[in-house]
C-alpha atoms as a PDB file:
ATOM      1  CA  MET A   1      17.410 -14.870   3.035  1.00  0.00           C
ATOM      2  CA  THR A   2      14.747 -16.427   5.041  1.00  0.00           C
ATOM      3  CA  GLU A   3      11.433 -17.383   3.095  1.00  0.00           C
ATOM      4  CA  LEU A   4       8.723 -15.857   5.460  1.00  0.00           C
ATOM      5  CA  THR A   5       4.768 -15.131   5.098  1.00  0.00           C
ATOM      6  CA  MET A   6       4.114 -11.315   4.635  1.00  0.00           C
ATOM      7  CA  ALA A   7       2.471 -11.153   8.058  1.00  0.00           C
ATOM      8  CA  LYS A   8       5.791 -12.876   9.678  1.00  0.00           C
ATOM      9  CA  ALA A   9       8.289 -10.420   7.779  1.00  0.00           C
ATOM     10  CA  LEU A  10       5.871  -7.442   9.451  1.00  0.00           C
ATOM     11  CA  ASN A  11       6.062  -9.171  12.618  1.00  0.00           C
ATOM     12  CA  ALA A  12       9.853  -9.625  12.237  1.00  0.00           C
ATOM     13  CA  ALA A  13      10.289  -5.863  11.719  1.00  0.00           C
ATOM     14  CA  LEU A  14       8.260  -5.170  14.517  1.00  0.00           C
ATOM     15  CA  ASP A  15      10.497  -7.218  16.509  1.00  0.00           C
ATOM     16  CA  ARG A  16      13.660  -5.610  15.472  1.00  0.00           C
ATOM     17  CA  ALA A  17      12.487  -1.987  15.618  1.00  0.00           C
ATOM     18  CA  LEU A  18      11.182  -2.474  19.199  1.00  0.00           C
ATOM     19  CA  THR A  19      14.696  -4.014  20.045  1.00  0.00           C
ATOM     20  CA  ASP A  20      17.070  -1.326  18.133  1.00  0.00           C
ATOM     21  CA  ASP A  21      15.206   1.564  19.644  1.00  0.00           C
ATOM     22  CA  PRO A  22      13.546   1.960  22.875  1.00  0.00           C
ATOM     23  CA  ALA A  23      11.477   4.770  21.772  1.00  0.00           C
ATOM     24  CA  VAL A  24       9.032   2.366  19.786  1.00  0.00           C
ATOM     25  CA  LEU A  25       5.923   1.419  21.338  1.00  0.00           C
ATOM     26  CA  LEU A  26       3.153  -0.336  19.353  1.00  0.00           C
ATOM     27  CA  LEU A  27      -0.428   0.646  20.059  1.00  0.00           C
ATOM     28  CA  GLY A  28      -3.860  -1.387  19.080  1.00  0.00           C
ATOM     29  CA  GLU A  29      -7.038  -3.332  19.595  1.00  0.00           C
ATOM     30  CA  ASP A  30      -5.913  -6.998  20.837  1.00  0.00           C
ATOM     31  CA  ILE A  31      -2.025  -6.520  19.551  1.00  0.00           C
ATOM     32  CA  GLY A  32      -0.636  -7.809  22.832  1.00  0.00           C
ATOM     33  CA  ALA A  33      -2.302 -11.143  24.453  1.00  0.00           C
ATOM     34  CA  LEU A  34      -4.177 -12.292  21.232  1.00  0.00           C
ATOM     35  CA  GLY A  35      -1.137 -10.828  18.942  1.00  0.00           C
ATOM     36  CA  GLY A  36      -3.702  -9.144  16.357  1.00  0.00           C
ATOM     37  CA  VAL A  37      -6.555 -10.198  14.288  1.00  0.00           C
ATOM     38  CA  PHE A  38      -3.987 -11.541  11.606  1.00  0.00           C
ATOM     39  CA  ARG A  39      -1.133 -12.463  14.162  1.00  0.00           C
ATOM     40  CA  VAL A  40       1.107 -10.000  12.931  1.00  0.00           C
ATOM     41  CA  THR A  41       1.935  -9.279  16.482  1.00  0.00           C
ATOM     42  CA  ASP A  42       2.005 -12.729  17.909  1.00  0.00           C
ATOM     43  CA  GLY A  43       4.643 -13.048  20.496  1.00  0.00           C
ATOM     44  CA  LEU A  44       5.756  -9.169  20.614  1.00  0.00           C
ATOM     45  CA  LEU A  45       4.229  -8.868  24.073  1.00  0.00           C
ATOM     46  CA  ALA A  46       5.977 -11.784  25.688  1.00  0.00           C
ATOM     47  CA  GLY A  47       9.440 -10.075  23.779  1.00  0.00           C
ATOM     48  CA  HIS A  48       9.160  -6.916  24.707  1.00  0.00           C
ATOM     49  CA  GLY A  49       6.769  -6.502  27.821  1.00  0.00           C
ATOM     50  CA  ALA A  50       2.950  -4.704  28.259  1.00  0.00           C
ATOM     51  CA  ALA A  51       4.812  -1.076  28.506  1.00  0.00           C
ATOM     52  CA  ARG A  52       5.977  -1.419  24.914  1.00  0.00           C
ATOM     53  CA  VAL A  53       3.360  -3.454  23.628  1.00  0.00           C
ATOM     54  CA  ILE A  54       0.064  -2.102  24.561  1.00  0.00           C
ATOM     55  CA  ASP A  55      -3.743  -3.414  24.313  1.00  0.00           C
ATOM     56  CA  THR A  56      -5.943  -0.310  23.817  1.00  0.00           C
ATOM     57  CA  PRO A  57      -9.810   0.170  24.090  1.00  0.00           C
ATOM     58  CA  LEU A  58     -11.623  -0.079  21.374  1.00  0.00           C
ATOM     59  CA  ALA A  59     -11.282   3.507  20.434  1.00  0.00           C
ATOM     60  CA  GLU A  60      -9.430   4.624  17.232  1.00  0.00           C
ATOM     61  CA  SER A  61     -10.028   8.362  17.751  1.00  0.00           C
ATOM     62  CA  GLY A  62      -8.649   7.750  21.503  1.00  0.00           C
ATOM     63  CA  ILE A  63      -5.479   5.226  20.063  1.00  0.00           C
ATOM     64  CA  MET A  64      -4.388   7.877  17.374  1.00  0.00           C
ATOM     65  CA  GLY A  65      -4.661  10.897  19.937  1.00  0.00           C
ATOM     66  CA  ALA A  66      -2.743   8.695  22.574  1.00  0.00           C
ATOM     67  CA  ALA A  67      -0.157   8.123  20.028  1.00  0.00           C
ATOM     68  CA  VAL A  68      -0.134  11.699  18.965  1.00  0.00           C
ATOM     69  CA  GLY A  69       0.787  12.943  22.366  1.00  0.00           C
ATOM     70  CA  LEU A  70       3.627   9.941  22.417  1.00  0.00           C
ATOM     71  CA  ALA A  71       5.224  11.338  19.313  1.00  0.00           C
ATOM     72  CA  PHE A  72       4.972  14.845  20.815  1.00  0.00           C
ATOM     73  CA  ARG A  73       7.232  13.784  23.572  1.00  0.00           C
ATOM     74  CA  GLY A  74       9.675  11.751  21.680  1.00  0.00           C
ATOM     75  CA  PHE A  75       8.584   8.306  21.230  1.00  0.00           C
ATOM     76  CA  ARG A  76       7.874   6.354  18.019  1.00  0.00           C
ATOM     77  CA  PRO A  77       4.611   4.925  17.949  1.00  0.00           C
ATOM     78  CA  VAL A  78       3.486   2.091  15.784  1.00  0.00           C
ATOM     79  CA  VAL A  79      -0.476   2.190  15.646  1.00  0.00           C
ATOM     80  CA  GLU A  80      -2.347  -0.751  14.164  1.00  0.00           C
ATOM     81  CA  LEU A  81      -6.111  -0.030  13.037  1.00  0.00           C
ATOM     82  CA  GLN A  82      -7.510  -3.580  13.026  1.00  0.00           C
ATOM     83  CA  PHE A  83      -9.035  -2.985   9.787  1.00  0.00           C
ATOM     84  CA  ASP A  84      -9.158  -0.706   7.031  1.00  0.00           C
ATOM     85  CA  GLY A  85     -12.688   0.633   7.612  1.00  0.00           C
ATOM     86  CA  PHE A  86     -12.003   1.204  11.269  1.00  0.00           C
ATOM     87  CA  VAL A  87      -9.596   4.231  10.401  1.00  0.00           C
ATOM     88  CA  TYR A  88     -12.608   6.696  10.019  1.00  0.00           C
ATOM     89  CA  PRO A  89     -13.366   7.187  13.732  1.00  0.00           C
ATOM     90  CA  ALA A  90      -9.111   8.157  13.686  1.00  0.00           C
ATOM     91  CA  PHE A  91      -9.893  10.364  10.524  1.00  0.00           C
ATOM     92  CA  ASP A  92      -9.897  13.828  12.461  1.00  0.00           C
ATOM     93  CA  GLN A  93      -6.463  12.985  14.125  1.00  0.00           C
ATOM     94  CA  ILE A  94      -4.573  12.065  11.135  1.00  0.00           C
ATOM     95  CA  VAL A  95      -5.568  14.583   8.961  1.00  0.00           C
ATOM     96  CA  CYS A  96      -5.733  17.290  11.462  1.00  0.00           C
ATOM     97  CA  GLN A  97      -3.241  16.558  14.061  1.00  0.00           C
ATOM     98  CA  VAL A  98      -0.843  14.119  12.437  1.00  0.00           C
ATOM     99  CA  ALA A  99      -0.621  15.467   9.043  1.00  0.00           C
ATOM    100  CA  LYS A 100       0.036  19.528  10.292  1.00  0.00           C
ATOM    101  CA  MET A 101       1.534  19.197  13.493  1.00  0.00           C
ATOM    102  CA  HIS A 102       5.255  19.488  11.852  1.00  0.00           C
ATOM    103  CA  TYR A 103       4.231  22.388   9.372  1.00  0.00           C
ATOM    104  CA  ARG A 104       1.814  24.158  12.326  1.00  0.00           C
ATOM    105  CA  THR A 105       4.944  24.374  14.268  1.00  0.00           C
ATOM    106  CA  ARG A 106       7.547  25.483  11.572  1.00  0.00           C
ATOM    107  CA  GLY A 107       9.241  22.438  12.347  1.00  0.00           C
ATOM    108  CA  ALA A 108       9.547  22.304  16.097  1.00  0.00           C
ATOM    109  CA  VAL A 109       7.738  19.167  16.305  1.00  0.00           C
ATOM    110  CA  ARG A 110       7.992  16.230  14.362  1.00  0.00           C
ATOM    111  CA  MET A 111       5.468  13.136  14.181  1.00  0.00           C
ATOM    112  CA  PRO A 112       7.280  10.052  13.890  1.00  0.00           C
ATOM    113  CA  LEU A 113       4.079   7.973  13.973  1.00  0.00           C
ATOM    114  CA  THR A 114       3.395   4.956  11.623  1.00  0.00           C
ATOM    115  CA  VAL A 115      -0.289   3.846  10.896  1.00  0.00           C
ATOM    116  CA  ARG A 116      -0.354  -0.056  10.197  1.00  0.00           C
ATOM    117  CA  LEU A 117      -3.883  -0.654   8.149  1.00  0.00           C
ATOM    118  CA  PRO A 118      -4.642  -4.444   7.331  1.00  0.00           C
ATOM    119  CA  TRP A 119      -6.132  -3.322   4.094  1.00  0.00           C
ATOM    120  CA  ALA A 120      -8.558  -3.902   0.912  1.00  0.00           C
ATOM    121  CA  GLY A 121     -10.379  -7.128  -0.087  1.00  0.00           C
ATOM    122  CA  GLY A 122     -10.206 -10.600  -1.426  1.00  0.00           C
ATOM    123  CA  VAL A 123     -10.655 -12.201   1.896  1.00  0.00           C
ATOM    124  CA  GLY A 124     -14.214 -12.887   1.698  1.00  0.00           C
ATOM    125  CA  ALA A 125     -15.046 -10.212   4.883  1.00  0.00           C
ATOM    126  CA  ALA A 126     -17.974  -7.745   5.103  1.00  0.00           C
ATOM    127  CA  GLU A 127     -17.478  -4.098   4.052  1.00  0.00           C
ATOM    128  CA  HIS A 128     -15.835  -2.350   6.658  1.00  0.00           C
ATOM    129  CA  HIS A 129     -13.307  -4.936   6.541  1.00  0.00           C
ATOM    130  CA  SER A 130     -12.420  -4.489   3.014  1.00  0.00           C
ATOM    131  CA  GLU A 131     -12.013  -0.986   2.014  1.00  0.00           C
ATOM    132  CA  SER A 132      -9.333   0.936  -0.231  1.00  0.00           C
ATOM    133  CA  PRO A 133      -9.486   4.460   1.610  1.00  0.00           C
ATOM    134  CA  GLU A 134      -5.774   5.252   0.364  1.00  0.00           C
ATOM    135  CA  ALA A 135      -7.012   8.331  -1.662  1.00  0.00           C
ATOM    136  CA  TYR A 136      -8.069  10.437   1.037  1.00  0.00           C
ATOM    137  CA  PHE A 137      -4.517   9.947   2.784  1.00  0.00           C
ATOM    138  CA  VAL A 138      -2.945  10.882  -0.486  1.00  0.00           C
ATOM    139  CA  HIS A 139      -4.766  13.864  -1.068  1.00  0.00           C
ATOM    140  CA  THR A 140      -3.820  14.853   2.738  1.00  0.00           C
ATOM    141  CA  SER A 141      -0.207  16.879   2.635  1.00  0.00           C
ATOM    142  CA  GLY A 142       1.918  15.975   5.372  1.00  0.00           C
ATOM    143  CA  LEU A 143       1.433  11.935   5.133  1.00  0.00           C
ATOM    144  CA  ARG A 144       3.625   9.714   3.640  1.00  0.00           C
ATOM    145  CA  VAL A 145       1.544   7.079   2.050  1.00  0.00           C
ATOM    146  CA  VAL A 146       2.701   3.357   1.058  1.00  0.00           C
ATOM    147  CA  ALA A 147       1.706  -0.054   0.085  1.00  0.00           C
ATOM    148  CA  VAL A 148       3.597  -3.186   0.152  1.00  0.00           C
ATOM    149  CA  SER A 149       3.156  -5.890  -2.294  1.00  0.00           C
ATOM    150  CA  ASN A 150       5.722  -8.437  -0.973  1.00  0.00           C
ATOM    151  CA  PRO A 151       7.134  -9.943   2.112  1.00  0.00           C
ATOM    152  CA  ALA A 152      10.858  -8.290   1.474  1.00  0.00           C
ATOM    153  CA  ASP A 153       9.407  -4.911   1.279  1.00  0.00           C
ATOM    154  CA  ALA A 154       6.955  -5.462   4.149  1.00  0.00           C
ATOM    155  CA  TYR A 155       9.944  -6.138   6.308  1.00  0.00           C
ATOM    156  CA  LEU A 156      12.244  -3.408   4.931  1.00  0.00           C
ATOM    157  CA  MET A 157       9.625  -0.628   4.349  1.00  0.00           C
ATOM    158  CA  LEU A 158       8.188  -1.158   8.094  1.00  0.00           C
ATOM    159  CA  ARG A 159      11.289  -0.394   9.319  1.00  0.00           C
ATOM    160  CA  GLN A 160      12.112   2.547   7.196  1.00  0.00           C
ATOM    161  CA  ALA A 161       8.444   3.805   8.077  1.00  0.00           C
ATOM    162  CA  ILE A 162       9.080   3.394  11.960  1.00  0.00           C
ATOM    163  CA  ALA A 163      12.596   5.028  11.379  1.00  0.00           C
ATOM    164  CA  SER A 164      11.179   7.938   9.719  1.00  0.00           C
ATOM    165  CA  ASP A 165      10.564  11.369  11.170  1.00  0.00           C
ATOM    166  CA  ASP A 166       7.719  11.828   8.742  1.00  0.00           C
ATOM    167  CA  PRO A 167       4.199  10.178   9.756  1.00  0.00           C
ATOM    168  CA  VAL A 168       3.510   7.505   7.393  1.00  0.00           C
ATOM    169  CA  VAL A 169      -0.065   5.514   6.248  1.00  0.00           C
ATOM    170  CA  PHE A 170       1.117   2.167   6.000  1.00  0.00           C
ATOM    171  CA  PHE A 171      -1.136  -0.274   3.777  1.00  0.00           C
ATOM    172  CA  GLU A 172      -0.582  -3.977   4.287  1.00  0.00           C
ATOM    173  CA  PRO A 173      -2.957  -5.972   1.621  1.00  0.00           C
ATOM    174  CA  LYS A 174      -4.687  -8.631   3.859  1.00  0.00           C
ATOM    175  CA  ARG A 175      -5.038 -11.446   1.237  1.00  0.00           C
ATOM    176  CA  LEU A 176      -1.299 -11.226   0.592  1.00  0.00           C
ATOM    177  CA  TYR A 177      -0.550 -11.794   4.652  1.00  0.00           C
ATOM    178  CA  HIS A 178       0.001 -15.550   3.958  1.00  0.00           C
ATOM    179  CA  ALA A 179       1.899 -15.350   0.868  1.00  0.00           C
ATOM    180  CA  LYS A 180       5.390 -16.236   0.943  1.00  0.00           C
ATOM    181  CA  GLY A 181       8.759 -14.727  -0.642  1.00  0.00           C
ATOM    182  CA  GLU A 182      12.418 -14.644   0.615  1.00  0.00           C
ATOM    183  CA  VAL A 183      13.304 -11.738   2.981  1.00  0.00           C
ATOM    184  CA  ASP A 184      16.703 -10.411   4.298  1.00  0.00           C
ATOM    185  CA  LEU A 185      16.534 -10.302   7.853  1.00  0.00           C
ATOM    186  CA  ASP A 186      20.061  -8.654   8.112  1.00  0.00           C
ATOM    187  CA  ALA A 187      19.339  -5.990   5.547  1.00  0.00           C
ATOM    188  CA  ASP A 188      20.780  -2.575   6.553  1.00  0.00           C
ATOM    189  CA  LEU A 189      18.327   0.090   6.213  1.00  0.00           C
ATOM    190  CA  ALA A 190      21.283   2.532   4.721  1.00  0.00           C
ATOM    191  CA  ASP A 191      21.664   0.113   2.027  1.00  0.00           C
ATOM    192  CA  ALA A 192      17.971  -0.543   1.072  1.00  0.00           C
ATOM    193  CA  PRO A 193      16.120   1.243  -1.871  1.00  0.00           C
ATOM    194  CA  PRO A 194      14.644   4.332  -0.571  1.00  0.00           C
ATOM    195  CA  MET A 195      10.927   3.756   0.839  1.00  0.00           C
ATOM    196  CA  GLY A 196       9.568   6.376  -1.604  1.00  0.00           C
ATOM    197  CA  LEU A 197      10.634   4.245  -4.794  1.00  0.00           C
ATOM    198  CA  ALA A 198       8.689   2.520  -7.333  1.00  0.00           C
ATOM    199  CA  ARG A 199      10.218  -0.578  -8.787  1.00  0.00           C
ATOM    200  CA  ILE A 200      10.075  -2.110 -12.073  1.00  0.00           C
ATOM    201  CA  VAL A 201       9.043  -5.829 -11.232  1.00  0.00           C
ATOM    202  CA  ARG A 202       8.926  -7.369 -14.866  1.00  0.00           C
ATOM    203  CA  GLU A 203      10.169  -5.887 -17.487  1.00  0.00           C
ATOM    204  CA  GLY A 204       8.419  -5.551 -21.344  1.00  0.00           C
ATOM    205  CA  THR A 205       8.095  -3.409 -24.300  1.00  0.00           C
ATOM    206  CA  ASP A 206       4.715  -3.336 -25.350  1.00  0.00           C
ATOM    207  CA  ALA A 207       2.716  -1.691 -22.375  1.00  0.00           C
ATOM    208  CA  THR A 208       3.339  -0.630 -19.043  1.00  0.00           C
ATOM    209  CA  VAL A 209       1.133  -1.917 -16.170  1.00  0.00           C
ATOM    210  CA  VAL A 210       1.154   0.495 -13.133  1.00  0.00           C
ATOM    211  CA  THR A 211      -0.335  -0.565  -9.902  1.00  0.00           C
ATOM    212  CA  TYR A 212       0.395  -1.602  -6.363  1.00  0.00           C
ATOM    213  CA  GLY A 213      -0.214  -3.804  -3.417  1.00  0.00           C
ATOM    214  CA  ALA A 214      -1.941  -6.958  -3.825  1.00  0.00           C
ATOM    215  CA  GLN A 215      -2.618  -5.792  -7.452  1.00  0.00           C
ATOM    216  CA  VAL A 216       0.690  -6.362  -8.109  1.00  0.00           C
ATOM    217  CA  THR A 217       0.394  -9.938  -8.014  1.00  0.00           C
ATOM    218  CA  THR A 218      -2.635  -9.702 -10.705  1.00  0.00           C
ATOM    219  CA  ALA A 219      -0.741  -7.569 -12.686  1.00  0.00           C
ATOM    220  CA  LEU A 220       2.032 -10.060 -12.995  1.00  0.00           C
ATOM    221  CA  GLN A 221      -0.442 -12.884 -13.751  1.00  0.00           C
ATOM    222  CA  ALA A 222      -1.808 -10.970 -16.381  1.00  0.00           C
ATOM    223  CA  ALA A 223       1.420 -10.377 -17.905  1.00  0.00           C
ATOM    224  CA  THR A 224       2.097 -13.932 -18.410  1.00  0.00           C
ATOM    225  CA  ALA A 225      -0.885 -14.774 -19.639  1.00  0.00           C
ATOM    226  CA  ALA A 226      -0.427 -12.062 -22.137  1.00  0.00           C
ATOM    227  CA  GLU A 227       3.052 -13.671 -23.617  1.00  0.00           C
ATOM    228  CA  ASP A 228       0.616 -16.607 -25.032  1.00  0.00           C
ATOM    229  CA  ASP A 229      -0.577 -13.546 -26.951  1.00  0.00           C
ATOM    230  CA  GLY A 230       2.655 -12.600 -28.150  1.00  0.00           C
ATOM    231  CA  LEU A 231       2.682  -9.239 -25.889  1.00  0.00           C
ATOM    232  CA  SER A 232       5.416  -8.230 -23.529  1.00  0.00           C
ATOM    233  CA  LEU A 233       4.130  -6.049 -20.719  1.00  0.00           C
ATOM    234  CA  GLU A 234       6.213  -4.087 -18.234  1.00  0.00           C
ATOM    235  CA  VAL A 235       4.636  -4.141 -14.329  1.00  0.00           C
ATOM    236  CA  THR A 236       5.524  -1.002 -12.424  1.00  0.00           C
ATOM    237  CA  ASP A 237       4.737  -1.348  -8.442  1.00  0.00           C
ATOM    238  CA  LEU A 238       4.484   2.051  -7.355  1.00  0.00           C
ATOM    239  CA  ARG A 239       5.348   1.211  -3.616  1.00  0.00           C
ATOM    240  CA  SER A 240       4.842   4.513  -2.488  1.00  0.00           C
ATOM    241  CA  LEU A 241       1.812   6.552  -3.028  1.00  0.00           C
ATOM    242  CA  SER A 242       2.296   9.931  -1.702  1.00  0.00           C
ATOM    243  CA  PRO A 243       4.717  10.930  -2.962  1.00  0.00           C
ATOM    244  CA  VAL A 244       4.613   8.894  -5.991  1.00  0.00           C
ATOM    245  CA  ASP A 245       8.207   8.166  -7.828  1.00  0.00           C
ATOM    246  CA  TYR A 246       7.349   9.775 -11.167  1.00  0.00           C
ATOM    247  CA  ASP A 247      10.887   9.151 -12.442  1.00  0.00           C
ATOM    248  CA  THR A 248      10.473   5.520 -12.489  1.00  0.00           C
ATOM    249  CA  VAL A 249       7.365   5.179 -13.997  1.00  0.00           C
ATOM    250  CA  ALA A 250       7.238   8.025 -16.421  1.00  0.00           C
ATOM    251  CA  ALA A 251      11.096   6.265 -17.843  1.00  0.00           C
ATOM    252  CA  SER A 252       8.759   2.999 -18.195  1.00  0.00           C
ATOM    253  CA  VAL A 253       5.777   4.782 -20.112  1.00  0.00           C
ATOM    254  CA  ARG A 254       8.062   6.649 -22.282  1.00  0.00           C
ATOM    255  CA  LYS A 255      10.019   2.967 -22.933  1.00  0.00           C
ATOM    256  CA  THR A 256       6.318   1.277 -23.922  1.00  0.00           C
ATOM    257  CA  GLY A 257       4.355   4.366 -25.282  1.00  0.00           C
ATOM    258  CA  ARG A 258       1.156   2.832 -23.189  1.00  0.00           C
ATOM    259  CA  VAL A 259      -0.060   2.292 -19.884  1.00  0.00           C
ATOM    260  CA  VAL A 260      -2.654   0.866 -18.288  1.00  0.00           C
ATOM    261  CA  ILE A 261      -3.071   1.720 -14.179  1.00  0.00           C
ATOM    262  CA  THR A 262      -5.007  -0.452 -11.861  1.00  0.00           C
ATOM    263  CA  HIS A 263      -5.967  -0.669  -8.428  1.00  0.00           C
ATOM    264  CA  GLU A 264      -8.951  -2.062  -5.812  1.00  0.00           C
ATOM    265  CA  ALA A 265     -10.172   1.165  -5.008  1.00  0.00           C
ATOM    266  CA  PRO A 266     -12.991   2.712  -6.704  1.00  0.00           C
ATOM    267  CA  GLY A 267     -12.154   4.756  -9.714  1.00  0.00           C
ATOM    268  CA  GLU A 268     -13.873   8.295  -9.070  1.00  0.00           C
ATOM    269  CA  ALA A 269     -10.971  10.498  -7.819  1.00  0.00           C
ATOM    270  CA  GLY A 270      -8.710   7.504  -6.792  1.00  0.00           C
ATOM    271  CA  VAL A 271      -4.991   7.229  -6.927  1.00  0.00           C
ATOM    272  CA  GLY A 272      -5.025   5.891 -10.596  1.00  0.00           C
ATOM    273  CA  ALA A 273      -6.682   9.355 -11.631  1.00  0.00           C
ATOM    274  CA  GLU A 274      -3.996  11.301 -10.480  1.00  0.00           C
ATOM    275  CA  VAL A 275      -1.406   8.683 -11.544  1.00  0.00           C
ATOM    276  CA  SER A 276      -2.862   8.869 -14.920  1.00  0.00           C
ATOM    277  CA  ALA A 277      -2.682  12.632 -14.966  1.00  0.00           C
ATOM    278  CA  GLY A 278       0.975  12.832 -13.733  1.00  0.00           C
ATOM    279  CA  ILE A 279       2.042  10.332 -16.418  1.00  0.00           C
ATOM    280  CA  THR A 280       0.089  12.465 -19.224  1.00  0.00           C
ATOM    281  CA  GLU A 281       1.492  15.906 -17.831  1.00  0.00           C
ATOM    282  CA  ARG A 282       5.064  14.007 -17.957  1.00  0.00           C
ATOM    283  CA  CYS A 283       4.738  11.400 -21.151  1.00  0.00           C
ATOM    284  CA  PHE A 284       2.447  13.315 -23.652  1.00  0.00           C
ATOM    285  CA  HIS A 285       4.523  13.129 -26.454  1.00  0.00           C
ATOM    286  CA  HIS A 286       5.282   9.463 -25.735  1.00  0.00           C
ATOM    287  CA  LEU A 287       2.107   8.341 -25.172  1.00  0.00           C
ATOM    288  CA  GLU A 288       0.737   6.384 -28.526  1.00  0.00           C
ATOM    289  CA  ALA A 289      -2.967   5.935 -26.557  1.00  0.00           C
ATOM    290  CA  PRO A 290      -4.611   7.393 -23.532  1.00  0.00           C
ATOM    291  CA  PRO A 291      -4.110   5.761 -20.010  1.00  0.00           C
ATOM    292  CA  VAL A 292      -6.333   3.343 -19.504  1.00  0.00           C
ATOM    293  CA  ARG A 293      -7.734   2.829 -15.730  1.00  0.00           C
ATOM    294  CA  VAL A 294      -8.743  -0.596 -14.185  1.00  0.00           C
ATOM    295  CA  THR A 295     -10.529  -0.044 -11.027  1.00  0.00           C
ATOM    296  CA  GLY A 296     -13.081  -1.395  -8.479  1.00  0.00           C
ATOM    297  CA  HIS A 297     -16.197   0.120  -8.903  1.00  0.00           C
ATOM    298  CA  ASP A 298     -17.717   3.270  -7.996  1.00  0.00           C
ATOM    299  CA  ILE A 299     -19.985   1.163  -4.849  1.00  0.00           C
ATOM    300  CA  PRO A 300     -19.549   0.770  -1.474  1.00  0.00           C
ATOM    301  CA  TYR A 301     -17.869  -2.282  -1.023  1.00  0.00           C
ATOM    302  CA  PRO A 302     -20.046  -5.362  -2.382  1.00  0.00           C
ATOM    303  CA  PRO A 303     -21.241  -8.765  -0.074  1.00  0.00           C
ATOM    304  CA  ALA A 304     -18.291 -11.441  -0.045  1.00  0.00           C
ATOM    305  CA  LYS A 305     -19.808 -13.663  -2.448  1.00  0.00           C
ATOM    306  CA  LEU A 306     -19.669 -10.854  -5.188  1.00  0.00           C
ATOM    307  CA  GLU A 307     -16.833  -8.984  -4.495  1.00  0.00           C
ATOM    308  CA  ARG A 308     -14.913 -11.169  -7.335  1.00  0.00           C
ATOM    309  CA  HIS A 309     -16.751  -9.071  -9.572  1.00  0.00           C
ATOM    310  CA  HIS A 310     -15.656  -5.829  -8.137  1.00  0.00           C
ATOM    311  CA  LEU A 311     -11.894  -6.530  -7.843  1.00  0.00           C
ATOM    312  CA  PRO A 312      -9.825  -5.860 -11.057  1.00  0.00           C
ATOM    313  CA  ASP A 313      -9.130  -9.507 -12.047  1.00  0.00           C
ATOM    314  CA  LEU A 314      -6.384 -10.789 -15.108  1.00  0.00           C
ATOM    315  CA  ASP A 315      -9.407 -10.286 -17.743  1.00  0.00           C
ATOM    316  CA  ARG A 316     -10.175  -7.002 -17.049  1.00  0.00           C
ATOM    317  CA  ILE A 317      -6.704  -5.928 -16.931  1.00  0.00           C
ATOM    318  CA  LEU A 318      -5.830  -7.624 -20.433  1.00  0.00           C
ATOM    319  CA  ASP A 319      -8.935  -6.021 -21.913  1.00  0.00           C
ATOM    320  CA  ALA A 320      -7.498  -2.606 -20.945  1.00  0.00           C
ATOM    321  CA  VAL A 321      -4.113  -3.760 -22.214  1.00  0.00           C
ATOM    322  CA  ASP A 322      -6.290  -4.406 -25.675  1.00  0.00           C
ATOM    323  CA  ARG A 323      -7.515  -0.882 -25.386  1.00  0.00           C
ATOM    324  CA  VAL A 324      -4.093   0.546 -25.283  1.00  0.00           C
ATOM    325  CA  LEU A 325      -2.941  -1.410 -27.853  1.00  0.00           C
ATOM    326  CA  GLN A 326      -5.861  -0.481 -30.203  1.00  0.00           C
ATOM    327  CA  ARG A 327      -6.832  -4.293 -30.232  1.00  0.00           C
ATOM    328  CA  PRO A 328     -10.787  -5.568 -30.399  1.00  0.00           C
ATOM    329  CA  ASN A 329     -11.469  -5.162 -27.087  1.00  0.00           C
ATOM    330  CA  SER A 330     -14.928  -5.138 -24.775  1.00  0.00           C
ATOM    331  CA  LEU A 331     -16.035  -1.599 -25.947  1.00  0.00           C
ATOM    332  CA  THR A 332     -15.186  -2.031 -29.711  1.00  0.00           C
ATOM    333  CA  GLY A 333     -16.448  -5.691 -29.836  1.00  0.00           C
ATOM    334  CA  VAL A 334     -14.569  -9.007 -30.538  1.00  0.00           C
ATOM    335  CA  GLU A 335     -13.743  -9.485 -33.978  1.00  0.00           C
ATOM    336  CA  LEU A 336     -14.802 -13.451 -35.021  1.00  0.00           C
END
């Protein structure tokens, strides 16, 4: 095991993929000479050359179009779109070409293409650098959508995404790039948990908190704080947003009987709404209270000085836990 930051774990995964498979290519803005805005691709140009690590023009639609052509010709392109909010110029290519090519050709053409997206807020950046657009891609059939929450998953799941014959939108929480964790650099993909499986990261009995990305850290902090109040919270990391591993999620909810779902993206038609519906359909007779969502507000991402009021925090999650446990909360008033 080696202790790495998430950024270094991603770098190691890309290096390993480039070494193991000559069909793997990296494309993106400033990923070569600069090593990427977040230095995730640092050193890869020197190690693998300009024919494998390709600095592109500042044109996301063009980058994605080139990647589609490369995938069509048998390569495994890995695209970095520099920030979450920069994905929209490439949206047409992802939705109309990447997601549909395999289906349109009756399986004759595969799209082994990975789209890396530095994602979400908490780093004091502007709105186009702090967005959470995952629901657009979850809604799009033909794409796998994953979100990592720790360096070990970042390393293994990026390798799995690149090796997959399906197109994968790979969300990397920017505020965890410097978070450290143990990574097994010698792990065999054949022995690793499938990319589509959720994981119980903390066992509990009173309520389940379902989340993904950087919110896993916040949920774990809430679970630790809840111990002081005698509560036992189970925290489930979805890892895969499409498809969702409802077997793992439903087993947890059936055990606790209560569920809180939290994510940074706005609540309206978000991933949390779909997960809540899926849980209700599968666990209705086991639920002791309606599912509760804790999300970002339904507004454009706010200025950096206000983002702490926008991002779901420990207090908002614990208030939601009080709601599902029918304890005094912000909606009922607090008993003095």
